[in-house]
Amino acid sequence: MNPIAEAVVSVLLVIGGVFVLLGSLGLARFPDLLTRLHGPSKAATLGLGALLLASVVAFGVRDQALSVHELLITLFVAITAPVSAQFVARASRHDREARAASDPRPDPEESA
């Protein structure tokens, strides 16, 4: 592999690893469900995209052909991650509203 392609793959791998790590830390450290959604749905998706682009570049240079599988995986993850995060947020909101309607006491999660 030529040095320019190696540098591009290395940079993409480091960027992808950093974003995946930050997304995982956000998932572990944020206090409630709605803020925890941002870690895996935003940063980890971007990190996975960078890792898959590194794979496209590495195998594209090695095989002298474009790898469509990684591009399709990137597209699928980029479409499904925000949609699933939106569904989880709506379910959480619906559950919170249902609990508020049945129990007039304030929710301790909202005051924190």
PDB file of N, CA and C in Angstrom:
ATOM      1  N   MET A   1       0.863  -1.177   0.000  1.00  0.00           N
ATOM      2  CA  MET A   1       0.000   0.000   0.000  1.00  0.00           C
ATOM      3  C   MET A   1       0.903   1.231   0.000  1.00  0.00           C
ATOM      4  N   ASN A   2       0.501   2.245  -0.730  1.00  0.00           N
ATOM      5  CA  ASN A   2       1.328   3.446  -0.800  1.00  0.00           C
ATOM      6  C   ASN A   2       1.198   4.277   0.480  1.00  0.00           C
ATOM      7  N   PRO A   3       2.180   5.128   0.759  1.00  0.00           N
ATOM      8  CA  PRO A   3       2.199   5.883   2.023  1.00  0.00           C
ATOM      9  C   PRO A   3       1.023   6.843   2.188  1.00  0.00           C
ATOM     10  N   ILE A   4       0.531   7.404   1.109  1.00  0.00           N
ATOM     11  CA  ILE A   4      -0.605   8.331   1.230  1.00  0.00           C
ATOM     12  C   ILE A   4      -1.859   7.582   1.668  1.00  0.00           C
ATOM     13  N   ALA A   5      -2.102   6.430   1.077  1.00  0.00           N
ATOM     14  CA  ALA A   5      -3.263   5.627   1.466  1.00  0.00           C
ATOM     15  C   ALA A   5      -3.126   5.147   2.911  1.00  0.00           C
ATOM     16  N   GLU A   6      -1.912   4.772   3.315  1.00  0.00           N
ATOM     17  CA  GLU A   6      -1.698   4.357   4.697  1.00  0.00           C
ATOM     18  C   GLU A   6      -1.980   5.499   5.665  1.00  0.00           C
ATOM     19  N   ALA A   7      -1.570   6.713   5.299  1.00  0.00           N
ATOM     20  CA  ALA A   7      -1.825   7.872   6.156  1.00  0.00           C
ATOM     21  C   ALA A   7      -3.322   8.159   6.256  1.00  0.00           C
ATOM     22  N   VAL A   8      -4.025   8.078   5.138  1.00  0.00           N
ATOM     23  CA  VAL A   8      -5.477   8.321   5.146  1.00  0.00           C
ATOM     24  C   VAL A   8      -6.184   7.274   6.000  1.00  0.00           C
ATOM     25  N   VAL A   9      -5.817   6.013   5.826  1.00  0.00           N
ATOM     26  CA  VAL A   9      -6.434   4.947   6.617  1.00  0.00           C
ATOM     27  C   VAL A   9      -6.130   5.144   8.099  1.00  0.00           C
ATOM     28  N   SER A  10      -4.892   5.512   8.422  1.00  0.00           N
ATOM     29  CA  SER A  10      -4.517   5.722   9.822  1.00  0.00           C
ATOM     30  C   SER A  10      -5.306   6.860  10.452  1.00  0.00           C
ATOM     31  N   VAL A  11      -5.428   7.963   9.726  1.00  0.00           N
ATOM     32  CA  VAL A  11      -6.175   9.115  10.252  1.00  0.00           C
ATOM     33  C   VAL A  11      -7.646   8.749  10.451  1.00  0.00           C
ATOM     34  N   LEU A  12      -8.229   8.057   9.483  1.00  0.00           N
ATOM     35  CA  LEU A  12      -9.635   7.658   9.608  1.00  0.00           C
ATOM     36  C   LEU A  12      -9.839   6.682  10.770  1.00  0.00           C
ATOM     37  N   LEU A  13      -8.896   5.778  10.980  1.00  0.00           N
ATOM     38  CA  LEU A  13      -9.007   4.841  12.102  1.00  0.00           C
ATOM     39  C   LEU A  13      -8.912   5.562  13.442  1.00  0.00           C
ATOM     40  N   VAL A  14      -8.012   6.523  13.552  1.00  0.00           N
ATOM     41  CA  VAL A  14      -7.887   7.270  14.805  1.00  0.00           C
ATOM     42  C   VAL A  14      -9.136   8.116  15.053  1.00  0.00           C
ATOM     43  N   ILE A  15      -9.611   8.800  14.029  1.00  0.00           N
ATOM     44  CA  ILE A  15     -10.821   9.610  14.175  1.00  0.00           C
ATOM     45  C   ILE A  15     -12.010   8.722  14.553  1.00  0.00           C
ATOM     46  N   GLY A  16     -12.164   7.605  13.872  1.00  0.00           N
ATOM     47  CA  GLY A  16     -13.259   6.680  14.180  1.00  0.00           C
ATOM     48  C   GLY A  16     -13.162   6.144  15.596  1.00  0.00           C
ATOM     49  N   GLY A  17     -11.967   5.766  16.013  1.00  0.00           N
ATOM     50  CA  GLY A  17     -11.782   5.252  17.375  1.00  0.00           C
ATOM     51  C   GLY A  17     -12.097   6.290  18.430  1.00  0.00           C
ATOM     52  N   VAL A  18     -11.685   7.534  18.193  1.00  0.00           N
ATOM     53  CA  VAL A  18     -11.959   8.607  19.158  1.00  0.00           C
ATOM     54  C   VAL A  18     -13.459   8.859  19.268  1.00  0.00           C
ATOM     55  N   PHE A  19     -14.147   8.914  18.137  1.00  0.00           N
ATOM     56  CA  PHE A  19     -15.595   9.160  18.186  1.00  0.00           C
ATOM     57  C   PHE A  19     -16.357   8.001  18.825  1.00  0.00           C
ATOM     58  N   VAL A  20     -15.960   6.775  18.547  1.00  0.00           N
ATOM     59  CA  VAL A  20     -16.611   5.625  19.175  1.00  0.00           C
ATOM     60  C   VAL A  20     -16.360   5.644  20.680  1.00  0.00           C
ATOM     61  N   LEU A  21     -15.147   5.979  21.095  1.00  0.00           N
ATOM     62  CA  LEU A  21     -14.836   6.072  22.522  1.00  0.00           C
ATOM     63  C   LEU A  21     -15.664   7.172  23.196  1.00  0.00           C
ATOM     64  N   LEU A  22     -15.753   8.331  22.560  1.00  0.00           N
ATOM     65  CA  LEU A  22     -16.553   9.420  23.134  1.00  0.00           C
ATOM     66  C   LEU A  22     -18.035   9.055  23.202  1.00  0.00           C
ATOM     67  N   GLY A  23     -18.533   8.383  22.188  1.00  0.00           N
ATOM     68  CA  GLY A  23     -19.926   7.938  22.226  1.00  0.00           C
ATOM     69  C   GLY A  23     -20.173   6.945  23.342  1.00  0.00           C
ATOM     70  N   SER A  24     -19.234   6.047  23.559  1.00  0.00           N
ATOM     71  CA  SER A  24     -19.369   5.066  24.643  1.00  0.00           C
ATOM     72  C   SER A  24     -19.287   5.733  26.005  1.00  0.00           C
ATOM     73  N   LEU A  25     -18.380   6.691  26.158  1.00  0.00           N
ATOM     74  CA  LEU A  25     -18.293   7.417  27.429  1.00  0.00           C
ATOM     75  C   LEU A  25     -19.566   8.224  27.691  1.00  0.00           C
ATOM     76  N   GLY A  26     -20.113   8.828  26.644  1.00  0.00           N
ATOM     77  CA  GLY A  26     -21.366   9.557  26.801  1.00  0.00           C
ATOM     78  C   GLY A  26     -22.503   8.647  27.222  1.00  0.00           C
ATOM     79  N   LEU A  27     -22.531   7.452  26.678  1.00  0.00           N
ATOM     80  CA  LEU A  27     -23.561   6.482  27.051  1.00  0.00           C
ATOM     81  C   LEU A  27     -23.428   6.090  28.516  1.00  0.00           C
ATOM     82  N   ALA A  28     -22.211   5.956  28.978  1.00  0.00           N
ATOM     83  CA  ALA A  28     -21.981   5.529  30.362  1.00  0.00           C
ATOM     84  C   ALA A  28     -22.118   6.663  31.365  1.00  0.00           C
ATOM     85  N   ARG A  29     -21.808   7.897  30.974  1.00  0.00           N
ATOM     86  CA  ARG A  29     -21.706   8.978  31.946  1.00  0.00           C
ATOM     87  C   ARG A  29     -22.912   9.915  32.041  1.00  0.00           C
ATOM     88  N   PHE A  30     -23.692  10.043  30.990  1.00  0.00           N
ATOM     89  CA  PHE A  30     -24.812  10.975  31.047  1.00  0.00           C
ATOM     90  C   PHE A  30     -25.872  10.486  32.018  1.00  0.00           C
ATOM     91  N   PRO A  31     -26.616  11.415  32.642  1.00  0.00           N
ATOM     92  CA  PRO A  31     -27.482  11.041  33.759  1.00  0.00           C
ATOM     93  C   PRO A  31     -28.796  10.341  33.415  1.00  0.00           C
ATOM     94  N   ASP A  32     -29.444  10.699  32.329  1.00  0.00           N
ATOM     95  CA  ASP A  32     -30.750  10.097  32.064  1.00  0.00           C
ATOM     96  C   ASP A  32     -30.831   9.590  30.630  1.00  0.00           C
ATOM     97  N   LEU A  33     -31.939   8.952  30.324  1.00  0.00           N
ATOM     98  CA  LEU A  33     -32.094   8.266  29.038  1.00  0.00           C
ATOM     99  C   LEU A  33     -31.983   9.204  27.850  1.00  0.00           C
ATOM    100  N   LEU A  34     -32.631  10.333  27.910  1.00  0.00           N
ATOM    101  CA  LEU A  34     -32.667  11.212  26.750  1.00  0.00           C
ATOM    102  C   LEU A  34     -31.292  11.794  26.422  1.00  0.00           C
ATOM    103  N   THR A  35     -30.493  12.102  27.437  1.00  0.00           N
ATOM    104  CA  THR A  35     -29.141  12.584  27.145  1.00  0.00           C
ATOM    105  C   THR A  35     -28.213  11.439  26.766  1.00  0.00           C
ATOM    106  N   ARG A  36     -28.484  10.242  27.238  1.00  0.00           N
ATOM    107  CA  ARG A  36     -27.672   9.083  26.858  1.00  0.00           C
ATOM    108  C   ARG A  36     -27.874   8.686  25.402  1.00  0.00           C
ATOM    109  N   LEU A  37     -28.970   9.077  24.807  1.00  0.00           N
ATOM    110  CA  LEU A  37     -29.204   8.761  23.394  1.00  0.00           C
ATOM    111  C   LEU A  37     -28.205   9.448  22.473  1.00  0.00           C
ATOM    112  N   HIS A  38     -27.683  10.604  22.876  1.00  0.00           N
ATOM    113  CA  HIS A  38     -26.796  11.361  21.998  1.00  0.00           C
ATOM    114  C   HIS A  38     -25.472  10.651  21.751  1.00  0.00           C
ATOM    115  N   GLY A  39     -24.957   9.944  22.763  1.00  0.00           N
ATOM    116  CA  GLY A  39     -23.674   9.273  22.593  1.00  0.00           C
ATOM    117  C   GLY A  39     -23.668   8.257  21.466  1.00  0.00           C
ATOM    118  N   PRO A  40     -24.488   7.225  21.561  1.00  0.00           N
ATOM    119  CA  PRO A  40     -24.442   6.223  20.496  1.00  0.00           C
ATOM    120  C   PRO A  40     -25.074   6.677  19.185  1.00  0.00           C
ATOM    121  N   SER A  41     -26.052   7.567  19.244  1.00  0.00           N
ATOM    122  CA  SER A  41     -26.713   7.923  17.983  1.00  0.00           C
ATOM    123  C   SER A  41     -25.948   8.979  17.195  1.00  0.00           C
ATOM    124  N   LYS A  42     -25.138   9.766  17.830  1.00  0.00           N
ATOM    125  CA  LYS A  42     -24.410  10.810  17.100  1.00  0.00           C
ATOM    126  C   LYS A  42     -22.931  10.446  16.949  1.00  0.00           C
ATOM    127  N   ALA A  43     -22.215  10.409  18.059  1.00  0.00           N
ATOM    128  CA  ALA A  43     -20.765  10.230  17.999  1.00  0.00           C
ATOM    129  C   ALA A  43     -20.369   8.831  17.535  1.00  0.00           C
ATOM    130  N   ALA A  44     -21.028   7.822  18.048  1.00  0.00           N
ATOM    131  CA  ALA A  44     -20.658   6.464  17.653  1.00  0.00           C
ATOM    132  C   ALA A  44     -21.003   6.194  16.186  1.00  0.00           C
ATOM    133  N   THR A  45     -22.073   6.788  15.689  1.00  0.00           N
ATOM    134  CA  THR A  45     -22.412   6.630  14.276  1.00  0.00           C
ATOM    135  C   THR A  45     -21.359   7.289  13.392  1.00  0.00           C
ATOM    136  N   LEU A  46     -20.910   8.469  13.785  1.00  0.00           N
ATOM    137  CA  LEU A  46     -19.853   9.144  13.033  1.00  0.00           C
ATOM    138  C   LEU A  46     -18.550   8.354  13.105  1.00  0.00           C
ATOM    139  N   GLY A  47     -18.238   7.801  14.274  1.00  0.00           N
ATOM    140  CA  GLY A  47     -17.035   6.991  14.416  1.00  0.00           C
ATOM    141  C   GLY A  47     -17.081   5.735  13.582  1.00  0.00           C
ATOM    142  N   LEU A  48     -18.219   5.070  13.578  1.00  0.00           N
ATOM    143  CA  LEU A  48     -18.369   3.873  12.756  1.00  0.00           C
ATOM    144  C   LEU A  48     -18.257   4.212  11.276  1.00  0.00           C
ATOM    145  N   GLY A  49     -18.782   5.349  10.881  1.00  0.00           N
ATOM    146  CA  GLY A  49     -18.647   5.780   9.494  1.00  0.00           C
ATOM    147  C   GLY A  49     -17.194   6.001   9.108  1.00  0.00           C
ATOM    148  N   ALA A  50     -16.410   6.602   9.999  1.00  0.00           N
ATOM    149  CA  ALA A  50     -14.987   6.815   9.721  1.00  0.00           C
ATOM    150  C   ALA A  50     -14.239   5.479   9.648  1.00  0.00           C
ATOM    151  N   LEU A  51     -14.572   4.543  10.528  1.00  0.00           N
ATOM    152  CA  LEU A  51     -13.926   3.227  10.481  1.00  0.00           C
ATOM    153  C   LEU A  51     -14.268   2.486   9.192  1.00  0.00           C
ATOM    154  N   LEU A  52     -15.502   2.571   8.771  1.00  0.00           N
ATOM    155  CA  LEU A  52     -15.887   1.906   7.528  1.00  0.00           C
ATOM    156  C   LEU A  52     -15.264   2.578   6.300  1.00  0.00           C
ATOM    157  N   LEU A  53     -15.117   3.906   6.335  1.00  0.00           N
ATOM    158  CA  LEU A  53     -14.428   4.584   5.233  1.00  0.00           C
ATOM    159  C   LEU A  53     -12.956   4.194   5.177  1.00  0.00           C
ATOM    160  N   ALA A  54     -12.352   3.987   6.351  1.00  0.00           N
ATOM    161  CA  ALA A  54     -10.967   3.496   6.373  1.00  0.00           C
ATOM    162  C   ALA A  54     -10.884   2.123   5.718  1.00  0.00           C
ATOM    163  N   SER A  55     -11.876   1.286   5.971  1.00  0.00           N
ATOM    164  CA  SER A  55     -11.914  -0.029   5.346  1.00  0.00           C
ATOM    165  C   SER A  55     -12.093   0.079   3.837  1.00  0.00           C
ATOM    166  N   VAL A  56     -12.926   0.993   3.392  1.00  0.00           N
ATOM    167  CA  VAL A  56     -13.138   1.200   1.955  1.00  0.00           C
ATOM    168  C   VAL A  56     -11.829   1.621   1.287  1.00  0.00           C
ATOM    169  N   VAL A  57     -11.121   2.552   1.920  1.00  0.00           N
ATOM    170  CA  VAL A  57      -9.868   3.032   1.336  1.00  0.00           C
ATOM    171  C   VAL A  57      -8.828   1.911   1.321  1.00  0.00           C
ATOM    172  N   ALA A  58      -8.693   1.192   2.442  1.00  0.00           N
ATOM    173  CA  ALA A  58      -7.670   0.146   2.531  1.00  0.00           C
ATOM    174  C   ALA A  58      -7.906  -0.964   1.515  1.00  0.00           C
ATOM    175  N   PHE A  59      -9.125  -1.460   1.445  1.00  0.00           N
ATOM    176  CA  PHE A  59      -9.399  -2.550   0.505  1.00  0.00           C
ATOM    177  C   PHE A  59      -9.502  -2.053  -0.930  1.00  0.00           C
ATOM    178  N   GLY A  60      -9.879  -0.809  -1.115  1.00  0.00           N
ATOM    179  CA  GLY A  60      -9.916  -0.245  -2.460  1.00  0.00           C
ATOM    180  C   GLY A  60      -8.535  -0.112  -3.057  1.00  0.00           C
ATOM    181  N   VAL A  61      -7.562   0.295  -2.239  1.00  0.00           N
ATOM    182  CA  VAL A  61      -6.188   0.412  -2.728  1.00  0.00           C
ATOM    183  C   VAL A  61      -5.587  -0.968  -2.940  1.00  0.00           C
ATOM    184  N   ARG A  62      -5.861  -1.884  -2.028  1.00  0.00           N
ATOM    185  CA  ARG A  62      -5.276  -3.225  -2.129  1.00  0.00           C
ATOM    186  C   ARG A  62      -5.823  -4.003  -3.326  1.00  0.00           C
ATOM    187  N   ASP A  63      -7.141  -3.957  -3.507  1.00  0.00           N
ATOM    188  CA  ASP A  63      -7.777  -4.758  -4.566  1.00  0.00           C
ATOM    189  C   ASP A  63      -7.992  -3.994  -5.865  1.00  0.00           C
ATOM    190  N   GLN A  64      -7.693  -2.694  -5.866  1.00  0.00           N
ATOM    191  CA  GLN A  64      -7.910  -1.844  -7.039  1.00  0.00           C
ATOM    192  C   GLN A  64      -9.374  -1.845  -7.483  1.00  0.00           C
ATOM    193  N   ALA A  65     -10.292  -1.931  -6.510  1.00  0.00           N
ATOM    194  CA  ALA A  65     -11.722  -1.911  -6.812  1.00  0.00           C
ATOM    195  C   ALA A  65     -12.461  -1.282  -5.631  1.00  0.00           C
ATOM    196  N   LEU A  66     -13.581  -0.696  -5.924  1.00  0.00           N
ATOM    197  CA  LEU A  66     -14.390  -0.074  -4.888  1.00  0.00           C
ATOM    198  C   LEU A  66     -15.187  -1.138  -4.140  1.00  0.00           C
ATOM    199  N   SER A  67     -15.135  -1.095  -2.817  1.00  0.00           N
ATOM    200  CA  SER A  67     -15.890  -2.041  -1.997  1.00  0.00           C
ATOM    201  C   SER A  67     -17.244  -1.428  -1.654  1.00  0.00           C
ATOM    202  N   VAL A  68     -18.279  -2.010  -2.164  1.00  0.00           N
ATOM    203  CA  VAL A  68     -19.624  -1.466  -1.988  1.00  0.00           C
ATOM    204  C   VAL A  68     -20.225  -1.897  -0.645  1.00  0.00           C
ATOM    205  N   HIS A  69     -19.772  -3.018  -0.088  1.00  0.00           N
ATOM    206  CA  HIS A  69     -20.355  -3.526   1.151  1.00  0.00           C
ATOM    207  C   HIS A  69     -20.218  -2.523   2.296  1.00  0.00           C
ATOM    208  N   GLU A  70     -19.032  -1.949   2.463  1.00  0.00           N
ATOM    209  CA  GLU A  70     -18.827  -0.988   3.546  1.00  0.00           C
ATOM    210  C   GLU A  70     -19.650   0.276   3.337  1.00  0.00           C
ATOM    211  N   LEU A  71     -19.780   0.696   2.103  1.00  0.00           N
ATOM    212  CA  LEU A  71     -20.601   1.879   1.827  1.00  0.00           C
ATOM    213  C   LEU A  71     -22.072   1.621   2.150  1.00  0.00           C
ATOM    214  N   LEU A  72     -22.555   0.434   1.845  1.00  0.00           N
ATOM    215  CA  LEU A  72     -23.945   0.098   2.170  1.00  0.00           C
ATOM    216  C   LEU A  72     -24.151   0.003   3.679  1.00  0.00           C
ATOM    217  N   ILE A  73     -23.170  -0.539   4.400  1.00  0.00           N
ATOM    218  CA  ILE A  73     -23.270  -0.607   5.861  1.00  0.00           C
ATOM    219  C   ILE A  73     -23.299   0.800   6.444  1.00  0.00           C
ATOM    220  N   THR A  74     -22.430   1.678   5.929  1.00  0.00           N
ATOM    221  CA  THR A  74     -22.408   3.067   6.402  1.00  0.00           C
ATOM    222  C   THR A  74     -23.748   3.750   6.153  1.00  0.00           C
ATOM    223  N   LEU A  75     -24.302   3.559   4.985  1.00  0.00           N
ATOM    224  CA  LEU A  75     -25.594   4.150   4.658  1.00  0.00           C
ATOM    225  C   LEU A  75     -26.692   3.601   5.580  1.00  0.00           C
ATOM    226  N   PHE A  76     -26.698   2.299   5.786  1.00  0.00           N
ATOM    227  CA  PHE A  76     -27.711   1.687   6.641  1.00  0.00           C
ATOM    228  C   PHE A  76     -27.622   2.201   8.081  1.00  0.00           C
ATOM    229  N   VAL A  77     -26.421   2.287   8.625  1.00  0.00           N
ATOM    230  CA  VAL A  77     -26.243   2.777  10.000  1.00  0.00           C
ATOM    231  C   VAL A  77     -26.612   4.253  10.095  1.00  0.00           C
ATOM    232  N   ALA A  78     -26.231   5.038   9.096  1.00  0.00           N
ATOM    233  CA  ALA A  78     -26.549   6.463   9.113  1.00  0.00           C
ATOM    234  C   ALA A  78     -28.050   6.715   9.048  1.00  0.00           C
ATOM    235  N   ILE A  79     -28.788   5.815   8.422  1.00  0.00           N
ATOM    236  CA  ILE A  79     -30.243   5.973   8.351  1.00  0.00           C
ATOM    237  C   ILE A  79     -30.923   5.435   9.604  1.00  0.00           C
ATOM    238  N   THR A  80     -30.503   4.282  10.088  1.00  0.00           N
ATOM    239  CA  THR A  80     -31.233   3.626  11.170  1.00  0.00           C
ATOM    240  C   THR A  80     -30.913   4.154  12.567  1.00  0.00           C
ATOM    241  N   ALA A  81     -29.711   4.626  12.821  1.00  0.00           N
ATOM    242  CA  ALA A  81     -29.356   5.074  14.172  1.00  0.00           C
ATOM    243  C   ALA A  81     -30.194   6.283  14.622  1.00  0.00           C
ATOM    244  N   PRO A  82     -30.331   7.344  13.825  1.00  0.00           N
ATOM    245  CA  PRO A  82     -31.178   8.452  14.272  1.00  0.00           C
ATOM    246  C   PRO A  82     -32.652   8.076  14.396  1.00  0.00           C
ATOM    247  N   VAL A  83     -33.117   7.200  13.519  1.00  0.00           N
ATOM    248  CA  VAL A  83     -34.527   6.787  13.574  1.00  0.00           C
ATOM    249  C   VAL A  83     -34.791   5.995  14.846  1.00  0.00           C
ATOM    250  N   SER A  84     -33.903   5.070  15.181  1.00  0.00           N
ATOM    251  CA  SER A  84     -34.103   4.291  16.402  1.00  0.00           C
ATOM    252  C   SER A  84     -33.984   5.177  17.640  1.00  0.00           C
ATOM    253  N   ALA A  85     -33.085   6.152  17.631  1.00  0.00           N
ATOM    254  CA  ALA A  85     -32.978   7.083  18.763  1.00  0.00           C
ATOM    255  C   ALA A  85     -34.258   7.905  18.904  1.00  0.00           C
ATOM    256  N   GLN A  86     -34.843   8.298  17.790  1.00  0.00           N
ATOM    257  CA  GLN A  86     -36.103   9.045  17.835  1.00  0.00           C
ATOM    258  C   GLN A  86     -37.230   8.192  18.417  1.00  0.00           C
ATOM    259  N   PHE A  87     -37.300   6.927  18.030  1.00  0.00           N
ATOM    260  CA  PHE A  87     -38.331   6.044  18.582  1.00  0.00           C
ATOM    261  C   PHE A  87     -38.150   5.822  20.079  1.00  0.00           C
ATOM    262  N   VAL A  88     -36.920   5.662  20.534  1.00  0.00           N
ATOM    263  CA  VAL A  88     -36.661   5.488  21.965  1.00  0.00           C
ATOM    264  C   VAL A  88     -37.033   6.757  22.723  1.00  0.00           C
ATOM    265  N   ALA A  89     -36.719   7.922  22.173  1.00  0.00           N
ATOM    266  CA  ALA A  89     -37.074   9.184  22.823  1.00  0.00           C
ATOM    267  C   ALA A  89     -38.591   9.361  22.899  1.00  0.00           C
ATOM    268  N   ARG A  90     -39.294   9.015  21.841  1.00  0.00           N
ATOM    269  CA  ARG A  90     -40.758   9.117  21.872  1.00  0.00           C
ATOM    270  C   ARG A  90     -41.370   8.149  22.880  1.00  0.00           C
ATOM    271  N   ALA A  91     -40.844   6.938  22.946  1.00  0.00           N
ATOM    272  CA  ALA A  91     -41.350   5.971  23.919  1.00  0.00           C
ATOM    273  C   ALA A  91     -41.091   6.450  25.336  1.00  0.00           C
ATOM    274  N   SER A  92     -39.941   7.039  25.579  1.00  0.00           N
ATOM    275  CA  SER A  92     -39.621   7.566  26.899  1.00  0.00           C
ATOM    276  C   SER A  92     -40.558   8.721  27.268  1.00  0.00           C
ATOM    277  N   ARG A  93     -40.791   9.602  26.314  1.00  0.00           N
ATOM    278  CA  ARG A  93     -41.702  10.719  26.569  1.00  0.00           C
ATOM    279  C   ARG A  93     -43.124  10.230  26.835  1.00  0.00           C
ATOM    280  N   HIS A  94     -43.569   9.253  26.053  1.00  0.00           N
ATOM    281  CA  HIS A  94     -44.902   8.695  26.241  1.00  0.00           C
ATOM    282  C   HIS A  94     -45.013   8.039  27.614  1.00  0.00           C
ATOM    283  N   ASP A  95     -43.997   7.302  28.021  1.00  0.00           N
ATOM    284  CA  ASP A  95     -43.994   6.660  29.332  1.00  0.00           C
ATOM    285  C   ASP A  95     -43.998   7.698  30.445  1.00  0.00           C
ATOM    286  N   ARG A  96     -43.213   8.757  30.288  1.00  0.00           N
ATOM    287  CA  ARG A  96     -43.157   9.819  31.304  1.00  0.00           C
ATOM    288  C   ARG A  96     -44.505  10.535  31.420  1.00  0.00           C
ATOM    289  N   GLU A  97     -45.162  10.792  30.280  1.00  0.00           N
ATOM    290  CA  GLU A  97     -46.470  11.445  30.316  1.00  0.00           C
ATOM    291  C   GLU A  97     -47.520  10.527  30.937  1.00  0.00           C
ATOM    292  N   ALA A  98     -47.456   9.236  30.668  1.00  0.00           N
ATOM    293  CA  ALA A  98     -48.409   8.292  31.249  1.00  0.00           C
ATOM    294  C   ALA A  98     -48.222   8.199  32.766  1.00  0.00           C
ATOM    295  N   ARG A  99     -46.972   8.201  33.216  1.00  0.00           N
ATOM    296  CA  ARG A  99     -46.734   8.178  34.665  1.00  0.00           C
ATOM    297  C   ARG A  99     -47.187   9.466  35.316  1.00  0.00           C
ATOM    298  N   ALA A 100     -46.998  10.598  34.641  1.00  0.00           N
ATOM    299  CA  ALA A 100     -47.408  11.884  35.203  1.00  0.00           C
ATOM    300  C   ALA A 100     -48.935  11.973  35.302  1.00  0.00           C
ATOM    301  N   ALA A 101     -49.631  11.377  34.366  1.00  0.00           N
ATOM    302  CA  ALA A 101     -51.091  11.418  34.395  1.00  0.00           C
ATOM    303  C   ALA A 101     -51.650  10.531  35.508  1.00  0.00           C
ATOM    304  N   SER A 102     -50.980   9.427  35.804  1.00  0.00           N
ATOM    305  CA  SER A 102     -51.493   8.518  36.823  1.00  0.00           C
ATOM    306  C   SER A 102     -50.987   8.855  38.220  1.00  0.00           C
ATOM    307  N   ASP A 103     -49.871   9.573  38.327  1.00  0.00           N
ATOM    308  CA  ASP A 103     -49.286   9.906  39.624  1.00  0.00           C
ATOM    309  C   ASP A 103     -49.027  11.408  39.666  1.00  0.00           C
ATOM    310  N   PRO A 104     -49.760  12.163  40.473  1.00  0.00           N
ATOM    311  CA  PRO A 104     -49.599  13.621  40.482  1.00  0.00           C
ATOM    312  C   PRO A 104     -48.299  14.094  41.141  1.00  0.00           C
ATOM    313  N   ARG A 105     -47.561  13.202  41.796  1.00  0.00           N
ATOM    314  CA  ARG A 105     -46.300  13.622  42.423  1.00  0.00           C
ATOM    315  C   ARG A 105     -45.276  13.970  41.353  1.00  0.00           C
ATOM    316  N   PRO A 106     -44.366  14.924  41.648  1.00  0.00           N
ATOM    317  CA  PRO A 106     -43.352  15.305  40.645  1.00  0.00           C
ATOM    318  C   PRO A 106     -42.367  14.174  40.400  1.00  0.00           C
ATOM    319  N   ASP A 107     -41.886  14.099  39.182  1.00  0.00           N
ATOM    320  CA  ASP A 107     -40.922  13.076  38.790  1.00  0.00           C
ATOM    321  C   ASP A 107     -39.529  13.501  39.259  1.00  0.00           C
ATOM    322  N   PRO A 108     -38.846  12.684  40.069  1.00  0.00           N
ATOM    323  CA  PRO A 108     -37.519  13.094  40.555  1.00  0.00           C
ATOM    324  C   PRO A 108     -36.487  13.160  39.428  1.00  0.00           C
ATOM    325  N   GLU A 109     -36.722  12.462  38.329  1.00  0.00           N
ATOM    326  CA  GLU A 109     -35.796  12.501  37.195  1.00  0.00           C
ATOM    327  C   GLU A 109     -35.831  13.849  36.499  1.00  0.00           C
ATOM    328  N   GLU A 110     -36.974  14.526  36.484  1.00  0.00           N
ATOM    329  CA  GLU A 110     -37.084  15.823  35.827  1.00  0.00           C
ATOM    330  C   GLU A 110     -36.443  16.929  36.648  1.00  0.00           C
ATOM    331  N   SER A 111     -36.412  16.804  37.965  1.00  0.00           N
ATOM    332  CA  SER A 111     -35.846  17.855  38.800  1.00  0.00           C
ATOM    333  C   SER A 111     -34.327  17.802  38.844  1.00  0.00           C
ATOM    334  N   ALA A 112     -33.752  16.668  38.443  1.00  0.00           N
ATOM    335  CA  ALA A 112     -32.277  16.531  38.501  1.00  0.00           C
ATOM    336  C   ALA A 112     -31.617  17.160  37.323  1.00  0.00           C
TER     337      ALA A 112
END
